[in-house]
Amino acid sequence: MISPVVLILAAGEGKRMNSSLPKVLHSLAGKPMLSHLLTTVKQLKPKKTIVVFGHQAKKVKETFRDSKVTWVLQKKQKGTADAVLSASRVLLGSKGPLFILYGDVPLLRIETLRQMQRSFYQEKATLTFLTTFVKNPTSYGRIIRNTAGEVIRIVEEKDATAEEKKVCEVNSGLYLVDCQEVLKGVREIEKSLVTGEYYLTDLIEQFLRKGKKVVSVVADDSQECLGINSRLELARAESQLRRRINESWMARGVTMRNPDSISIDADVMLERDVQIHQGVVVTGKSRIHKGAEILPYSVIEESEIKSFARIGPFAHLRPGSVVGEGGHVGNFVELKKARLMKGVKANHLSYLGDTVIGEGTNVGAGTITCNYDGFKKHKTVIGKNVFIGSDVQFVAPVKVENGAWIAAGTTVTKKVPRDSLAITRVEQKNINGWVKRRKRSRH
């Protein structure tokens, strides 16, 4: 097979999203919508990937500044055929197959694209397009076939007869087409009398009329080829994508308790024998190593959890945190840019921010690193095998050396030497009979 050129149409405003953000930049499982499609088509090893953009062009291009794509500006959005025509200059020298896809169709699978490729070559087609079956085909173009099962035309909703409206096979608008043929064909497409736009769907009827080979491939899962045009459709797509992500990880040896309640972003990496309980959220490029267990309702953002560590329940790891092998981060513990080495335990009600904690240290309940002085953040460095009692505050910048003990209720404001005890509590004073005297004085 010849490596294809990929053309992604992403210029639309997305008015039904009712948003100041371009539609293709709306987040889906932790990544912009368009990013999912770019990741998928990269597996085709295309000669070139071209993105036609328009609405808020600067913002879209800046978001994907590290992507190796060719950008084509469609100044006025006058329909899908016009979008292809706007890319004609960068397509002129291209020969062979051209995928025409949409930036708002993020659930498309690589297997489906490869199926289209096989059909294109085996059938020696000029154009292969993707169809699917839906329960409610209203508003979609219906696929009309002859008795031999060949596509003879696509009928739009407004033009369909009562019998044709019963057809549940619809056009997805996704194409694999001979590059030079499509460049000639789009120039012949006429403007819609209803909308004043130029539609790529007219290409199929044009090619059939000219006797060119047009074939279709049916997508088994209708969700993967339907576009996102509203917040409701975005929510449905995200639900579908997250289910797909979870099923993929479970197939690779990850245990998920009540997976429908678990939210794993697309770029998260999990290793075998990780256990994730209900209500857990893992975002960004977090990595969880083998045998780690994430207990219910914990949130892990852009962090790393080493092998056999135990997180939660109700723990919060903010970006830049690392929990070492066999470490424990318990209920209502928050980490922020905290690096906990092997075997560190912080089991209860603590905030550990901008800190490094050495191997084997135990962090008592209610421990807080006071990392912000009102102007900038400061770092707390705690050594190995330190014992930290309950209700301790570390006023950063501060350092605690290996083997030190910090008494409960202590506020640490200066360096604690190796194997020393730090204690700042006022000595306890018991006043005998004080309560009785106090009560008498109030009568």
Foldseek 3Di string as FASTA:
>chain_A
DDAAEEEAEQADQLVQAVDPDRQQQDDFLFGRLLVLVLVQCVVSVHPAYEYEYEVVVVVVCVSVVVDRHHYFYDPDCQEDLVSLLSCCVVLVVDWDKYKYYYSQLNLAHSVQVVVQVVCCVVVVAQKEFEKEFDPQCPQFWAFDADPVRFTQATHGNVRDDPVRNVGRIGGLLIMIHTSVVSNVQSVPFDADPVRRGGYPSVSVNVCVVVVGGYYYDYDHDPSNRHGDRYPVNSVVNSLVVQVVVVVVVVVQAEAEAPSSQERHGPQEAEHHQEYEYGNEYEHDNEYEYHCEYEDHNEYHYQEYEYHNEYEEDCEYEYHLEYAEHPEYHYHQEYEANEYEYAHEYDHEDEYHYQEYAEAQEYAEHQEYEQQDPPPDGAYEYEYYNEYEYHNEYEDPPEYEYAQEYEDHNYYHDYYHDHNYYDHDDDDDDDDPPPVVVVVVVVD
